[in-house]
PDB file of all heavy atoms in Angstrom:
ATOM      1  N   VAL A   1      -2.394 111.143 -35.276  1.00  0.00           N
ATOM      2  CA  VAL A   1      -1.019 111.083 -35.760  1.00  0.00           C
ATOM      3  C   VAL A   1      -0.843 109.918 -36.730  1.00  0.00           C
ATOM      4  O   VAL A   1      -0.335 110.080 -37.825  1.00  0.00           O
ATOM      5  CB  VAL A   1      -0.019 110.956 -34.587  1.00  0.00           C
ATOM      6  CG1 VAL A   1       1.411 110.927 -35.103  1.00  0.00           C
ATOM      7  CG2 VAL A   1      -0.194 112.118 -33.612  1.00  0.00           C
ATOM      8  N   HIS A   2      -1.268 108.726 -36.297  1.00  0.00           N
ATOM      9  CA  HIS A   2      -1.183 107.528 -37.132  1.00  0.00           C
ATOM     10  C   HIS A   2      -2.602 107.021 -37.382  1.00  0.00           C
ATOM     11  O   HIS A   2      -3.100 106.161 -36.654  1.00  0.00           O
ATOM     12  CB  HIS A   2      -0.342 106.447 -36.451  1.00  0.00           C
ATOM     13  CG  HIS A   2       1.091 106.843 -36.249  1.00  0.00           C
ATOM     14  ND1 HIS A   2       2.015 106.841 -37.266  1.00  0.00           N
ATOM     15  CD2 HIS A   2       1.754 107.279 -35.161  1.00  0.00           C
ATOM     16  CE1 HIS A   2       3.184 107.240 -36.804  1.00  0.00           C
ATOM     17  NE2 HIS A   2       3.050 107.521 -35.531  1.00  0.00           N
ATOM     18  N   ALA A   3      -3.233 107.569 -38.403  1.00  0.00           N
ATOM     19  CA  ALA A   3      -4.634 107.227 -38.669  1.00  0.00           C
ATOM     20  C   ALA A   3      -4.802 105.738 -38.924  1.00  0.00           C
ATOM     21  O   ALA A   3      -5.754 105.112 -38.451  1.00  0.00           O
ATOM     22  CB  ALA A   3      -5.154 108.029 -39.865  1.00  0.00           C
ATOM     23  N   SER A   4      -3.879 105.124 -39.685  1.00  0.00           N
ATOM     24  CA  SER A   4      -4.011 103.705 -40.022  1.00  0.00           C
ATOM     25  C   SER A   4      -3.728 102.824 -38.812  1.00  0.00           C
ATOM     26  O   SER A   4      -4.451 101.861 -38.546  1.00  0.00           O
ATOM     27  CB  SER A   4      -3.066 103.340 -41.171  1.00  0.00           C
ATOM     28  OG  SER A   4      -1.721 103.684 -40.840  1.00  0.00           O
ATOM     29  N   ALA A   5      -2.675 103.163 -38.033  1.00  0.00           N
ATOM     30  CA  ALA A   5      -2.298 102.337 -36.877  1.00  0.00           C
ATOM     31  C   ALA A   5      -3.379 102.345 -35.809  1.00  0.00           C
ATOM     32  O   ALA A   5      -3.574 101.347 -35.103  1.00  0.00           O
ATOM     33  CB  ALA A   5      -0.974 102.826 -36.305  1.00  0.00           C
ATOM     34  N   ASN A   6      -4.076 103.460 -35.654  1.00  0.00           N
ATOM     35  CA  ASN A   6      -5.105 103.568 -34.618  1.00  0.00           C
ATOM     36  C   ASN A   6      -6.519 103.544 -35.185  1.00  0.00           C
ATOM     37  O   ASN A   6      -7.468 103.957 -34.507  1.00  0.00           O
ATOM     38  CB  ASN A   6      -4.904 104.845 -33.797  1.00  0.00           C
ATOM     39  CG  ASN A   6      -3.659 104.823 -32.949  1.00  0.00           C
ATOM     40  OD1 ASN A   6      -2.729 105.586 -33.158  1.00  0.00           O
ATOM     41  ND2 ASN A   6      -3.610 103.909 -31.985  1.00  0.00           N
ATOM     42  N   ASN A   7      -6.670 103.039 -36.386  1.00  0.00           N
ATOM     43  CA  ASN A   7      -7.980 103.039 -37.041  1.00  0.00           C
ATOM     44  C   ASN A   7      -9.029 102.298 -36.219  1.00  0.00           C
ATOM     45  O   ASN A   7     -10.154 102.767 -36.061  1.00  0.00           O
ATOM     46  CB  ASN A   7      -7.864 102.417 -38.437  1.00  0.00           C
ATOM     47  CG  ASN A   7      -9.173 102.485 -39.195  1.00  0.00           C
ATOM     48  OD1 ASN A   7      -9.660 103.570 -39.500  1.00  0.00           O
ATOM     49  ND2 ASN A   7      -9.747 101.338 -39.484  1.00  0.00           N
ATOM     50  N   ALA A   8      -8.653 101.124 -35.674  1.00  0.00           N
ATOM     51  CA  ALA A   8      -9.603 100.322 -34.881  1.00  0.00           C
ATOM     52  C   ALA A   8     -10.026 101.095 -33.630  1.00  0.00           C
ATOM     53  O   ALA A   8     -11.196 101.043 -33.215  1.00  0.00           O
ATOM     54  CB  ALA A   8      -8.977  98.987 -34.502  1.00  0.00           C
ATOM     55  N   LEU A   9      -9.073 101.819 -33.021  1.00  0.00           N
ATOM     56  CA  LEU A   9      -9.382 102.620 -31.832  1.00  0.00           C
ATOM     57  C   LEU A   9     -10.418 103.684 -32.158  1.00  0.00           C
ATOM     58  O   LEU A   9     -11.403 103.858 -31.427  1.00  0.00           O
ATOM     59  CB  LEU A   9      -8.104 103.280 -31.317  1.00  0.00           C
ATOM     60  CG  LEU A   9      -8.275 104.417 -30.310  1.00  0.00           C
ATOM     61  CD1 LEU A   9      -8.842 103.893 -29.002  1.00  0.00           C
ATOM     62  CD2 LEU A   9      -6.944 105.140 -30.078  1.00  0.00           C
ATOM     63  N   TYR A  10     -10.218 104.405 -33.261  1.00  0.00           N
ATOM     64  CA  TYR A  10     -11.148 105.466 -33.627  1.00  0.00           C
ATOM     65  C   TYR A  10     -12.529 104.897 -33.943  1.00  0.00           C
ATOM     66  O   TYR A  10     -13.548 105.525 -33.642  1.00  0.00           O
ATOM     67  CB  TYR A  10     -10.605 106.267 -34.811  1.00  0.00           C
ATOM     68  CG  TYR A  10      -9.268 106.923 -34.533  1.00  0.00           C
ATOM     69  CD1 TYR A  10      -8.253 106.920 -35.486  1.00  0.00           C
ATOM     70  CD2 TYR A  10      -9.005 107.519 -33.302  1.00  0.00           C
ATOM     71  CE1 TYR A  10      -7.019 107.517 -35.231  1.00  0.00           C
ATOM     72  CE2 TYR A  10      -7.780 108.100 -33.034  1.00  0.00           C
ATOM     73  CZ  TYR A  10      -6.792 108.097 -33.999  1.00  0.00           C
ATOM     74  OH  TYR A  10      -5.574 108.673 -33.736  1.00  0.00           O
ATOM     75  N   ARG A  11     -12.561 103.724 -34.532  1.00  0.00           N
ATOM     76  CA  ARG A  11     -13.847 103.089 -34.832  1.00  0.00           C
ATOM     77  C   ARG A  11     -14.591 102.762 -33.536  1.00  0.00           C
ATOM     78  O   ARG A  11     -15.800 102.942 -33.435  1.00  0.00           O
ATOM     79  CB  ARG A  11     -13.648 101.804 -35.640  1.00  0.00           C
ATOM     80  CG  ARG A  11     -13.024 102.022 -37.019  1.00  0.00           C
ATOM     81  CD  ARG A  11     -13.879 102.913 -37.883  1.00  0.00           C
ATOM     82  NE  ARG A  11     -13.198 103.300 -39.103  1.00  0.00           N
ATOM     83  CZ  ARG A  11     -13.546 104.292 -39.884  1.00  0.00           C
ATOM     84  NH1 ARG A  11     -14.585 105.044 -39.554  1.00  0.00           N
ATOM     85  NH2 ARG A  11     -12.879 104.573 -40.974  1.00  0.00           N
ATOM     86  N   ARG A  12     -13.847 102.291 -32.526  1.00  0.00           N
ATOM     87  CA  ARG A  12     -14.480 101.983 -31.233  1.00  0.00           C
ATOM     88  C   ARG A  12     -14.976 103.257 -30.558  1.00  0.00           C
ATOM     89  O   ARG A  12     -16.061 103.275 -29.975  1.00  0.00           O
ATOM     90  CB  ARG A  12     -13.496 101.251 -30.317  1.00  0.00           C
ATOM     91  CG  ARG A  12     -13.155  99.841 -30.756  1.00  0.00           C
ATOM     92  CD  ARG A  12     -12.526  99.046 -29.612  1.00  0.00           C
ATOM     93  NE  ARG A  12     -11.330  99.678 -29.082  1.00  0.00           N
ATOM     94  CZ  ARG A  12     -10.110  99.503 -29.563  1.00  0.00           C
ATOM     95  NH1 ARG A  12      -9.926  98.706 -30.617  1.00  0.00           N
ATOM     96  NH2 ARG A  12      -9.064 100.097 -29.024  1.00  0.00           N
ATOM     97  N   LEU A  13     -14.164 104.318 -30.644  1.00  0.00           N
ATOM     98  CA  LEU A  13     -14.567 105.581 -30.024  1.00  0.00           C
ATOM     99  C   LEU A  13     -15.846 106.128 -30.644  1.00  0.00           C
ATOM    100  O   LEU A  13     -16.661 106.749 -29.958  1.00  0.00           O
ATOM    101  CB  LEU A  13     -13.444 106.612 -30.163  1.00  0.00           C
ATOM    102  CG  LEU A  13     -12.201 106.399 -29.305  1.00  0.00           C
ATOM    103  CD1 LEU A  13     -11.133 107.422 -29.656  1.00  0.00           C
ATOM    104  CD2 LEU A  13     -12.546 106.480 -27.814  1.00  0.00           C
ATOM    105  N   GLU A  14     -16.012 105.888 -31.941  1.00  0.00           N
ATOM    106  CA  GLU A  14     -17.214 106.366 -32.620  1.00  0.00           C
ATOM    107  C   GLU A  14     -18.477 105.691 -32.086  1.00  0.00           C
ATOM    108  O   GLU A  14     -19.576 106.209 -32.239  1.00  0.00           O
ATOM    109  CB  GLU A  14     -17.102 106.127 -34.128  1.00  0.00           C
ATOM    110  CG  GLU A  14     -16.094 107.039 -34.821  1.00  0.00           C
ATOM    111  CD  GLU A  14     -16.516 108.493 -34.741  1.00  0.00           C
ATOM    112  OE1 GLU A  14     -17.556 108.852 -35.318  1.00  0.00           O
ATOM    113  OE2 GLU A  14     -15.810 109.275 -34.079  1.00  0.00           O
ATOM    114  N   MET A  15     -18.320 104.528 -31.450  1.00  0.00           N
ATOM    115  CA  MET A  15     -19.466 103.789 -30.922  1.00  0.00           C
ATOM    116  C   MET A  15     -19.809 104.208 -29.496  1.00  0.00           C
ATOM    117  O   MET A  15     -20.801 103.765 -28.947  1.00  0.00           O
ATOM    118  CB  MET A  15     -19.168 102.280 -30.945  1.00  0.00           C
ATOM    119  CG  MET A  15     -18.810 101.732 -32.318  1.00  0.00           C
ATOM    120  SD  MET A  15     -20.130 101.976 -33.527  1.00  0.00           S
ATOM    121  CE  MET A  15     -21.375 100.877 -32.863  1.00  0.00           C
ATOM    122  N   THR A  16     -18.970 105.064 -28.876  1.00  0.00           N
ATOM    123  CA  THR A  16     -19.222 105.491 -27.504  1.00  0.00           C
ATOM    124  C   THR A  16     -20.052 106.768 -27.491  1.00  0.00           C
ATOM    125  O   THR A  16     -20.294 107.384 -28.523  1.00  0.00           O
ATOM    126  CB  THR A  16     -17.898 105.742 -26.754  1.00  0.00           C
ATOM    127  OG1 THR A  16     -17.285 106.932 -27.267  1.00  0.00           O
ATOM    128  CG2 THR A  16     -16.945 104.568 -26.923  1.00  0.00           C
ATOM    129  N   THR A  17     -20.457 107.157 -26.295  1.00  0.00           N
ATOM    130  CA  THR A  17     -21.230 108.402 -26.138  1.00  0.00           C
ATOM    131  C   THR A  17     -20.341 109.578 -25.753  1.00  0.00           C
ATOM    132  O   THR A  17     -20.842 110.689 -25.576  1.00  0.00           O
ATOM    133  CB  THR A  17     -22.313 108.218 -25.055  1.00  0.00           C
ATOM    134  OG1 THR A  17     -21.688 107.841 -23.816  1.00  0.00           O
ATOM    135  CG2 THR A  17     -23.317 107.148 -25.462  1.00  0.00           C
ATOM    136  N   THR A  18     -19.033 109.342 -25.612  1.00  0.00           N
ATOM    137  CA  THR A  18     -18.117 110.422 -25.248  1.00  0.00           C
ATOM    138  C   THR A  18     -17.965 111.400 -26.406  1.00  0.00           C
ATOM    139  O   THR A  18     -17.560 110.995 -27.499  1.00  0.00           O
ATOM    140  CB  THR A  18     -16.727 109.861 -24.886  1.00  0.00           C
ATOM    141  OG1 THR A  18     -16.849 108.911 -23.830  1.00  0.00           O
ATOM    142  CG2 THR A  18     -15.793 110.987 -24.448  1.00  0.00           C
ATOM    143  N   PRO A  19     -18.262 112.681 -26.216  1.00  0.00           N
ATOM    144  CA  PRO A  19     -18.060 113.663 -27.288  1.00  0.00           C
ATOM    145  C   PRO A  19     -16.574 113.771 -27.637  1.00  0.00           C
ATOM    146  O   PRO A  19     -15.729 113.896 -26.744  1.00  0.00           O
ATOM    147  CB  PRO A  19     -18.578 114.965 -26.689  1.00  0.00           C
ATOM    148  CG  PRO A  19     -19.493 114.550 -25.578  1.00  0.00           C
ATOM    149  CD  PRO A  19     -18.902 113.298 -25.030  1.00  0.00           C
ATOM    150  N   ILE A  20     -16.260 113.722 -28.925  1.00  0.00           N
ATOM    151  CA  ILE A  20     -14.867 113.744 -29.384  1.00  0.00           C
ATOM    152  C   ILE A  20     -14.730 114.721 -30.541  1.00  0.00           C
ATOM    153  O   ILE A  20     -15.597 114.788 -31.417  1.00  0.00           O
ATOM    154  CB  ILE A  20     -14.418 112.344 -29.864  1.00  0.00           C
ATOM    155  CG1 ILE A  20     -14.618 111.304 -28.767  1.00  0.00           C
ATOM    156  CG2 ILE A  20     -12.949 112.369 -30.303  1.00  0.00           C
ATOM    157  CD1 ILE A  20     -14.486 109.883 -29.262  1.00  0.00           C
ATOM    158  N   VAL A  21     -13.622 115.446 -30.546  1.00  0.00           N
ATOM    159  CA  VAL A  21     -13.234 116.247 -31.709  1.00  0.00           C
ATOM    160  C   VAL A  21     -11.796 115.870 -32.047  1.00  0.00           C
ATOM    161  O   VAL A  21     -10.922 115.901 -31.180  1.00  0.00           O
ATOM    162  CB  VAL A  21     -13.320 117.761 -31.433  1.00  0.00           C
ATOM    163  CG1 VAL A  21     -12.784 118.538 -32.641  1.00  0.00           C
ATOM    164  CG2 VAL A  21     -14.757 118.172 -31.137  1.00  0.00           C
ATOM    165  N   TYR A  22     -11.575 115.460 -33.286  1.00  0.00           N
ATOM    166  CA  TYR A  22     -10.232 115.125 -33.750  1.00  0.00           C
ATOM    167  C   TYR A  22      -9.591 116.364 -34.373  1.00  0.00           C
ATOM    168  O   TYR A  22     -10.280 117.251 -34.861  1.00  0.00           O
ATOM    169  CB  TYR A  22     -10.291 114.003 -34.786  1.00  0.00           C
ATOM    170  CG  TYR A  22     -10.885 112.715 -34.261  1.00  0.00           C
ATOM    171  CD1 TYR A  22     -12.150 112.290 -34.666  1.00  0.00           C
ATOM    172  CD2 TYR A  22     -10.179 111.920 -33.362  1.00  0.00           C
ATOM    173  CE1 TYR A  22     -12.699 111.116 -34.187  1.00  0.00           C
ATOM    174  CE2 TYR A  22     -10.723 110.741 -32.874  1.00  0.00           C
ATOM    175  CZ  TYR A  22     -11.989 110.348 -33.292  1.00  0.00           C
ATOM    176  OH  TYR A  22     -12.523 109.182 -32.817  1.00  0.00           O
ATOM    177  N   PHE A  23      -8.254 116.378 -34.391  1.00  0.00           N
ATOM    178  CA  PHE A  23      -7.596 117.534 -34.989  1.00  0.00           C
ATOM    179  C   PHE A  23      -6.224 117.188 -35.536  1.00  0.00           C
ATOM    180  O   PHE A  23      -5.661 116.146 -35.221  1.00  0.00           O
ATOM    181  CB  PHE A  23      -7.476 118.679 -33.968  1.00  0.00           C
ATOM    182  CG  PHE A  23      -6.525 118.417 -32.810  1.00  0.00           C
ATOM    183  CD1 PHE A  23      -5.212 118.871 -32.848  1.00  0.00           C
ATOM    184  CD2 PHE A  23      -6.966 117.746 -31.688  1.00  0.00           C
ATOM    185  CE1 PHE A  23      -4.356 118.647 -31.784  1.00  0.00           C
ATOM    186  CE2 PHE A  23      -6.116 117.513 -30.612  1.00  0.00           C
ATOM    187  CZ  PHE A  23      -4.800 117.966 -30.663  1.00  0.00           C
ATOM    188  N   ASP A  24      -5.754 118.091 -36.382  1.00  0.00           N
ATOM    189  CA  ASP A  24      -4.390 118.161 -36.898  1.00  0.00           C
ATOM    190  C   ASP A  24      -4.106 117.312 -38.126  1.00  0.00           C
ATOM    191  O   ASP A  24      -3.315 117.703 -38.952  1.00  0.00           O
ATOM    192  CB  ASP A  24      -3.362 117.812 -35.812  1.00  0.00           C
ATOM    193  CG  ASP A  24      -1.974 118.301 -36.185  1.00  0.00           C
ATOM    194  OD1 ASP A  24      -1.858 119.461 -36.613  1.00  0.00           O
ATOM    195  OD2 ASP A  24      -1.015 117.527 -36.075  1.00  0.00           O
ATOM    196  N   SER A  25      -4.691 116.144 -38.268  1.00  0.00           N
ATOM    197  CA  SER A  25      -4.391 115.295 -39.417  1.00  0.00           C
ATOM    198  C   SER A  25      -5.669 114.768 -40.037  1.00  0.00           C
ATOM    199  O   SER A  25      -6.657 114.523 -39.341  1.00  0.00           O
ATOM    200  CB  SER A  25      -3.511 114.109 -39.014  1.00  0.00           C
ATOM    201  OG  SER A  25      -2.263 114.529 -38.544  1.00  0.00           O
ATOM    202  N   LYS A  26      -5.608 114.570 -41.319  1.00  0.00           N
ATOM    203  CA  LYS A  26      -6.761 113.999 -42.014  1.00  0.00           C
ATOM    204  C   LYS A  26      -6.958 112.548 -41.584  1.00  0.00           C
ATOM    205  O   LYS A  26      -6.011 111.812 -41.343  1.00  0.00           O
ATOM    206  CB  LYS A  26      -6.540 114.067 -43.524  1.00  0.00           C
ATOM    207  CG  LYS A  26      -7.779 113.683 -44.349  1.00  0.00           C
ATOM    208  CD  LYS A  26      -7.465 113.697 -45.826  1.00  0.00           C
ATOM    209  CE  LYS A  26      -7.155 115.094 -46.312  1.00  0.00           C
ATOM    210  NZ  LYS A  26      -8.310 116.003 -46.212  1.00  0.00           N
ATOM    211  N   ALA A  27      -8.194 112.140 -41.496  1.00  0.00           N
ATOM    212  CA  ALA A  27      -8.522 110.750 -41.193  1.00  0.00           C
ATOM    213  C   ALA A  27      -9.559 110.279 -42.197  1.00  0.00           C
ATOM    214  O   ALA A  27     -10.097 111.058 -42.972  1.00  0.00           O
ATOM    215  CB  ALA A  27      -9.064 110.628 -39.763  1.00  0.00           C
ATOM    216  N   ASP A  28      -9.813 108.977 -42.179  1.00  0.00           N
ATOM    217  CA  ASP A  28     -10.845 108.423 -43.050  1.00  0.00           C
ATOM    218  C   ASP A  28     -12.203 108.831 -42.477  1.00  0.00           C
ATOM    219  O   ASP A  28     -12.645 108.316 -41.462  1.00  0.00           O
ATOM    220  CB  ASP A  28     -10.718 106.905 -43.100  1.00  0.00           C
ATOM    221  CG  ASP A  28     -11.776 106.276 -44.003  1.00  0.00           C
ATOM    222  OD1 ASP A  28     -12.508 107.022 -44.680  1.00  0.00           O
ATOM    223  OD2 ASP A  28     -11.867 105.040 -44.025  1.00  0.00           O
ATOM    224  N   LEU A  29     -12.852 109.783 -43.131  1.00  0.00           N
ATOM    225  CA  LEU A  29     -14.103 110.331 -42.605  1.00  0.00           C
ATOM    226  C   LEU A  29     -15.337 109.567 -43.082  1.00  0.00           C
ATOM    227  O   LEU A  29     -16.448 109.935 -42.736  1.00  0.00           O
ATOM    228  CB  LEU A  29     -14.242 111.792 -43.037  1.00  0.00           C
ATOM    229  CG  LEU A  29     -13.176 112.747 -42.501  1.00  0.00           C
ATOM    230  CD1 LEU A  29     -13.330 114.104 -43.155  1.00  0.00           C
ATOM    231  CD2 LEU A  29     -13.276 112.878 -41.002  1.00  0.00           C
ATOM    232  N   ALA A  30     -15.123 108.508 -43.841  1.00  0.00           N
ATOM    233  CA  ALA A  30     -16.252 107.822 -44.477  1.00  0.00           C
ATOM    234  C   ALA A  30     -17.332 107.431 -43.482  1.00  0.00           C
ATOM    235  O   ALA A  30     -18.520 107.647 -43.722  1.00  0.00           O
ATOM    236  CB  ALA A  30     -15.749 106.599 -45.236  1.00  0.00           C
ATOM    237  N   ASP A  31     -16.934 106.833 -42.344  1.00  0.00           N
ATOM    238  CA  ASP A  31     -17.923 106.349 -41.372  1.00  0.00           C
ATOM    239  C   ASP A  31     -17.858 107.109 -40.056  1.00  0.00           C
ATOM    240  O   ASP A  31     -18.474 106.692 -39.076  1.00  0.00           O
ATOM    241  CB  ASP A  31     -17.697 104.848 -41.111  1.00  0.00           C
ATOM    242  CG  ASP A  31     -17.789 104.021 -42.379  1.00  0.00           C
ATOM    243  OD1 ASP A  31     -18.708 104.287 -43.173  1.00  0.00           O
ATOM    244  OD2 ASP A  31     -16.940 103.141 -42.577  1.00  0.00           O
ATOM    245  N   MET A  32     -17.125 108.197 -40.002  1.00  0.00           N
ATOM    246  CA  MET A  32     -16.960 108.916 -38.749  1.00  0.00           C
ATOM    247  C   MET A  32     -18.029 109.994 -38.591  1.00  0.00           C
ATOM    248  O   MET A  32     -18.417 110.637 -39.564  1.00  0.00           O
ATOM    249  CB  MET A  32     -15.568 109.543 -38.675  1.00  0.00           C
ATOM    250  CG  MET A  32     -14.450 108.516 -38.603  1.00  0.00           C
ATOM    251  SD  MET A  32     -12.802 109.266 -38.621  1.00  0.00           S
ATOM    252  CE  MET A  32     -12.809 110.147 -37.058  1.00  0.00           C
TER     253      MET A  32
END
């Protein structure tokens, strides 16, 4: 919903082993 406000959260999630699929809004896909 708020890609910029939760950017740090998404970056941390990318470092975990939990499988994740995002949906509904565009996000910065550069490092995801």
